[in-house]
Amino acid sequence: MSDAGIREATILGQGIGMAMRGLRPIAEIQYLDYIMYALQIMSDDLATLLYRTKGRQKAPLIIRTRGHRLEGIRHSVHKWVGF
């Protein structure tokens, strides 16, 4: 178990690094609507790793998220407005 920074890029970057070293990490993005900040890393780095290394390097990474109602936009509002 490892804690990462709050940015989605950091969460995936650490997950990819751990997976490349033989671990089986589960990277968790708190809300589904935050996944768009990680899409470029998933498509450019994680999805093409096997091809770019000619099959020599794998990164078995599970990316987990929850929430399907676009709750992330109100995530910090509840703390400040008092809902």
N, C-alpha and C. Protein backbone atom coordinates (compact mmCIF):
# COMPACT_ATOMS: atom_id res chain seq x y z
N MET A 1 0.84 -1.17 0.00
CA MET A 1 0.00 0.00 0.00
C MET A 1 0.89 1.24 0.00
N SER A 2 0.56 2.18 -0.86
CA SER A 2 1.33 3.40 -0.97
C SER A 2 0.39 4.56 -1.21
N ASP A 3 0.57 5.63 -0.48
CA ASP A 3 -0.22 6.83 -0.72
C ASP A 3 0.46 7.66 -1.79
N ALA A 4 -0.34 8.29 -2.62
CA ALA A 4 0.19 9.13 -3.69
C ALA A 4 -0.37 10.53 -3.53
N GLY A 5 0.16 11.44 -4.31
CA GLY A 5 -0.35 12.79 -4.30
C GLY A 5 -1.77 12.84 -4.81
N ILE A 6 -2.38 13.98 -4.72
CA ILE A 6 -3.79 14.11 -5.07
C ILE A 6 -4.01 14.20 -6.58
N ARG A 7 -3.00 14.45 -7.36
CA ARG A 7 -3.17 14.55 -8.81
C ARG A 7 -3.28 13.18 -9.43
N GLU A 8 -4.15 13.07 -10.40
CA GLU A 8 -4.37 11.80 -11.08
C GLU A 8 -3.11 11.35 -11.82
N ALA A 9 -2.34 12.28 -12.33
CA ALA A 9 -1.08 11.94 -13.01
C ALA A 9 -0.12 11.26 -12.04
N THR A 10 -0.07 11.73 -10.83
CA THR A 10 0.81 11.13 -9.82
C THR A 10 0.33 9.74 -9.44
N ILE A 11 -0.97 9.59 -9.27
CA ILE A 11 -1.53 8.29 -8.89
C ILE A 11 -1.22 7.25 -9.96
N LEU A 12 -1.46 7.58 -11.22
CA LEU A 12 -1.17 6.63 -12.30
C LEU A 12 0.31 6.42 -12.52
N GLY A 13 1.08 7.48 -12.41
CA GLY A 13 2.53 7.36 -12.58
C GLY A 13 3.15 6.42 -11.57
N GLN A 14 2.74 6.55 -10.31
CA GLN A 14 3.25 5.63 -9.30
C GLN A 14 2.75 4.21 -9.52
N GLY A 15 1.49 4.09 -9.95
CA GLY A 15 0.95 2.76 -10.24
C GLY A 15 1.68 2.08 -11.37
N ILE A 16 1.96 2.81 -12.44
CA ILE A 16 2.69 2.25 -13.58
C ILE A 16 4.10 1.84 -13.15
N GLY A 17 4.76 2.69 -12.39
CA GLY A 17 6.10 2.36 -11.91
C GLY A 17 6.13 1.12 -11.04
N MET A 18 5.15 1.01 -10.15
CA MET A 18 5.08 -0.18 -9.28
C MET A 18 4.79 -1.44 -10.10
N ALA A 19 3.90 -1.31 -11.10
CA ALA A 19 3.56 -2.46 -11.94
C ALA A 19 4.76 -2.91 -12.78
N MET A 20 5.55 -1.96 -13.26
CA MET A 20 6.73 -2.30 -14.05
C MET A 20 7.79 -3.01 -13.21
N ARG A 21 7.73 -2.84 -11.92
CA ARG A 21 8.69 -3.49 -11.03
C ARG A 21 8.18 -4.81 -10.48
N GLY A 22 7.04 -5.29 -11.01
CA GLY A 22 6.56 -6.61 -10.64
C GLY A 22 5.46 -6.64 -9.60
N LEU A 23 5.07 -5.51 -9.08
CA LEU A 23 3.97 -5.49 -8.12
C LEU A 23 2.64 -5.50 -8.86
N ARG A 24 1.56 -5.67 -8.16
CA ARG A 24 0.21 -5.67 -8.75
C ARG A 24 -0.62 -4.56 -8.10
N PRO A 25 -0.32 -3.32 -8.44
CA PRO A 25 -1.00 -2.19 -7.77
C PRO A 25 -2.43 -1.97 -8.28
N ILE A 26 -3.21 -1.34 -7.43
CA ILE A 26 -4.55 -0.88 -7.79
C ILE A 26 -4.55 0.62 -7.57
N ALA A 27 -4.60 1.36 -8.66
CA ALA A 27 -4.63 2.83 -8.58
C ALA A 27 -6.09 3.25 -8.46
N GLU A 28 -6.41 4.03 -7.45
CA GLU A 28 -7.79 4.43 -7.23
C GLU A 28 -7.96 5.93 -7.46
N ILE A 29 -8.81 6.26 -8.42
CA ILE A 29 -9.21 7.64 -8.68
C ILE A 29 -10.52 7.83 -7.93
N GLN A 30 -10.61 8.84 -7.10
CA GLN A 30 -11.74 8.94 -6.17
C GLN A 30 -13.10 9.03 -6.86
N TYR A 31 -13.22 9.84 -7.89
CA TYR A 31 -14.49 9.98 -8.59
C TYR A 31 -14.30 9.72 -10.07
N LEU A 32 -15.33 9.16 -10.69
CA LEU A 32 -15.27 8.80 -12.10
C LEU A 32 -15.02 10.02 -12.99
N ASP A 33 -15.56 11.18 -12.62
CA ASP A 33 -15.37 12.35 -13.49
C ASP A 33 -13.95 12.90 -13.43
N TYR A 34 -13.11 12.43 -12.53
CA TYR A 34 -11.70 12.82 -12.50
C TYR A 34 -10.85 11.97 -13.44
N ILE A 35 -11.43 10.92 -14.00
CA ILE A 35 -10.66 10.02 -14.85
C ILE A 35 -10.18 10.71 -16.13
N MET A 36 -10.86 11.78 -16.53
CA MET A 36 -10.44 12.47 -17.76
C MET A 36 -9.06 13.10 -17.62
N TYR A 37 -8.65 13.39 -16.38
CA TYR A 37 -7.30 13.93 -16.18
C TYR A 37 -6.23 12.86 -16.29
N ALA A 38 -6.64 11.59 -16.35
CA ALA A 38 -5.69 10.49 -16.45
C ALA A 38 -5.75 9.79 -17.80
N LEU A 39 -6.68 10.18 -18.67
CA LEU A 39 -6.84 9.49 -19.94
C LEU A 39 -5.59 9.53 -20.83
N GLN A 40 -4.92 10.66 -20.88
CA GLN A 40 -3.73 10.75 -21.72
C GLN A 40 -2.63 9.81 -21.23
N ILE A 41 -2.45 9.72 -19.94
CA ILE A 41 -1.43 8.83 -19.38
C ILE A 41 -1.80 7.37 -19.64
N MET A 42 -3.09 7.06 -19.51
CA MET A 42 -3.53 5.68 -19.77
C MET A 42 -3.33 5.30 -21.23
N SER A 43 -3.65 6.22 -22.15
CA SER A 43 -3.56 5.87 -23.57
C SER A 43 -2.14 6.00 -24.11
N ASP A 44 -1.40 7.01 -23.71
CA ASP A 44 -0.06 7.23 -24.26
C ASP A 44 1.02 6.39 -23.57
N ASP A 45 0.92 6.22 -22.29
CA ASP A 45 1.99 5.54 -21.55
C ASP A 45 1.65 4.08 -21.23
N LEU A 46 0.56 3.87 -20.54
CA LEU A 46 0.23 2.53 -20.07
C LEU A 46 -0.18 1.60 -21.21
N ALA A 47 -1.05 2.05 -22.09
CA ALA A 47 -1.57 1.17 -23.14
C ALA A 47 -0.53 0.82 -24.20
N THR A 48 0.48 1.64 -24.38
CA THR A 48 1.47 1.37 -25.42
C THR A 48 2.79 0.82 -24.88
N LEU A 49 2.87 0.58 -23.60
CA LEU A 49 4.13 0.13 -22.99
C LEU A 49 4.62 -1.19 -23.59
N LEU A 50 3.75 -2.15 -23.72
CA LEU A 50 4.15 -3.45 -24.26
C LEU A 50 4.67 -3.32 -25.70
N TYR A 51 3.99 -2.50 -26.50
CA TYR A 51 4.42 -2.27 -27.89
C TYR A 51 5.75 -1.53 -27.94
N ARG A 52 5.88 -0.48 -27.14
CA ARG A 52 7.11 0.33 -27.19
C ARG A 52 8.34 -0.41 -26.71
N THR A 53 8.15 -1.43 -25.87
CA THR A 53 9.30 -2.20 -25.38
C THR A 53 9.45 -3.53 -26.12
N LYS A 54 8.72 -3.68 -27.22
CA LYS A 54 8.77 -4.90 -28.04
C LYS A 54 8.45 -6.15 -27.22
N GLY A 55 7.49 -6.02 -26.32
CA GLY A 55 7.02 -7.14 -25.53
C GLY A 55 7.87 -7.49 -24.32
N ARG A 56 8.88 -6.71 -24.03
CA ARG A 56 9.79 -7.03 -22.92
C ARG A 56 9.32 -6.50 -21.57
N GLN A 57 8.44 -5.52 -21.56
CA GLN A 57 8.03 -4.91 -20.30
C GLN A 57 6.51 -4.90 -20.21
N LYS A 58 5.98 -5.36 -19.08
CA LYS A 58 4.55 -5.35 -18.83
C LYS A 58 4.27 -4.47 -17.61
N ALA A 59 3.06 -3.98 -17.54
CA ALA A 59 2.64 -3.19 -16.39
C ALA A 59 1.19 -3.55 -16.06
N PRO A 60 0.99 -4.64 -15.33
CA PRO A 60 -0.38 -5.04 -14.98
C PRO A 60 -0.96 -4.13 -13.89
N LEU A 61 -1.72 -3.15 -14.30
CA LEU A 61 -2.24 -2.14 -13.38
C LEU A 61 -3.77 -2.13 -13.44
N ILE A 62 -4.39 -2.15 -12.29
CA ILE A 62 -5.84 -2.00 -12.20
C ILE A 62 -6.12 -0.55 -11.82
N ILE A 63 -7.00 0.10 -12.56
CA ILE A 63 -7.40 1.47 -12.26
C ILE A 63 -8.85 1.41 -11.80
N ARG A 64 -9.06 1.78 -10.56
CA ARG A 64 -10.38 1.66 -9.96
C ARG A 64 -10.95 3.05 -9.69
N THR A 65 -12.23 3.20 -9.88
CA THR A 65 -12.90 4.45 -9.57
C THR A 65 -14.33 4.13 -9.13
N ARG A 66 -15.00 5.11 -8.62
CA ARG A 66 -16.38 4.90 -8.20
C ARG A 66 -17.17 6.17 -8.49
N GLY A 67 -18.45 6.07 -8.37
CA GLY A 67 -19.29 7.23 -8.59
C GLY A 67 -19.63 7.37 -10.05
N HIS A 68 -20.87 7.49 -10.35
CA HIS A 68 -21.31 7.61 -11.73
C HIS A 68 -22.23 8.80 -11.91
N ARG A 69 -22.31 9.67 -10.90
CA ARG A 69 -23.24 10.79 -10.97
C ARG A 69 -22.53 12.13 -11.04
N LEU A 70 -21.31 12.16 -11.49
CA LEU A 70 -20.52 13.39 -11.55
C LEU A 70 -20.50 14.10 -10.21
N GLU A 71 -20.09 13.37 -9.19
CA GLU A 71 -20.05 13.90 -7.83
C GLU A 71 -18.79 14.71 -7.55
N GLY A 72 -17.76 14.54 -8.34
CA GLY A 72 -16.49 15.21 -8.09
C GLY A 72 -16.57 16.72 -8.15
N ILE A 73 -17.46 17.24 -8.96
CA ILE A 73 -17.55 18.70 -9.09
C ILE A 73 -18.02 19.35 -7.79
N ARG A 74 -18.76 18.61 -6.98
CA ARG A 74 -19.23 19.15 -5.70
C ARG A 74 -18.40 18.65 -4.53
N HIS A 75 -17.30 18.00 -4.79
CA HIS A 75 -16.49 17.39 -3.74
C HIS A 75 -16.05 18.41 -2.69
N SER A 76 -15.48 19.52 -3.11
CA SER A 76 -14.97 20.50 -2.14
C SER A 76 -16.03 21.51 -1.73
N VAL A 77 -17.12 21.60 -2.46
CA VAL A 77 -18.17 22.58 -2.13
C VAL A 77 -18.82 22.23 -0.81
N HIS A 78 -19.00 20.96 -0.53
CA HIS A 78 -19.67 20.56 0.69
C HIS A 78 -18.92 21.01 1.94
N LYS A 79 -17.61 21.04 1.86
CA LYS A 79 -16.82 21.47 3.02
C LYS A 79 -16.99 22.95 3.29
N TRP A 80 -17.08 23.75 2.25
CA TRP A 80 -17.08 25.20 2.43
C TRP A 80 -18.46 25.80 2.61
N VAL A 81 -19.47 25.19 2.00
CA VAL A 81 -20.81 25.76 2.07
C VAL A 81 -21.57 25.20 3.26
N GLY A 82 -21.16 24.05 3.74
CA GLY A 82 -21.78 23.47 4.92
C GLY A 82 -22.94 22.54 4.62
N PHE A 83 -22.93 21.89 3.47
CA PHE A 83 -23.99 20.94 3.13
C PHE A 83 -23.84 19.67 3.93
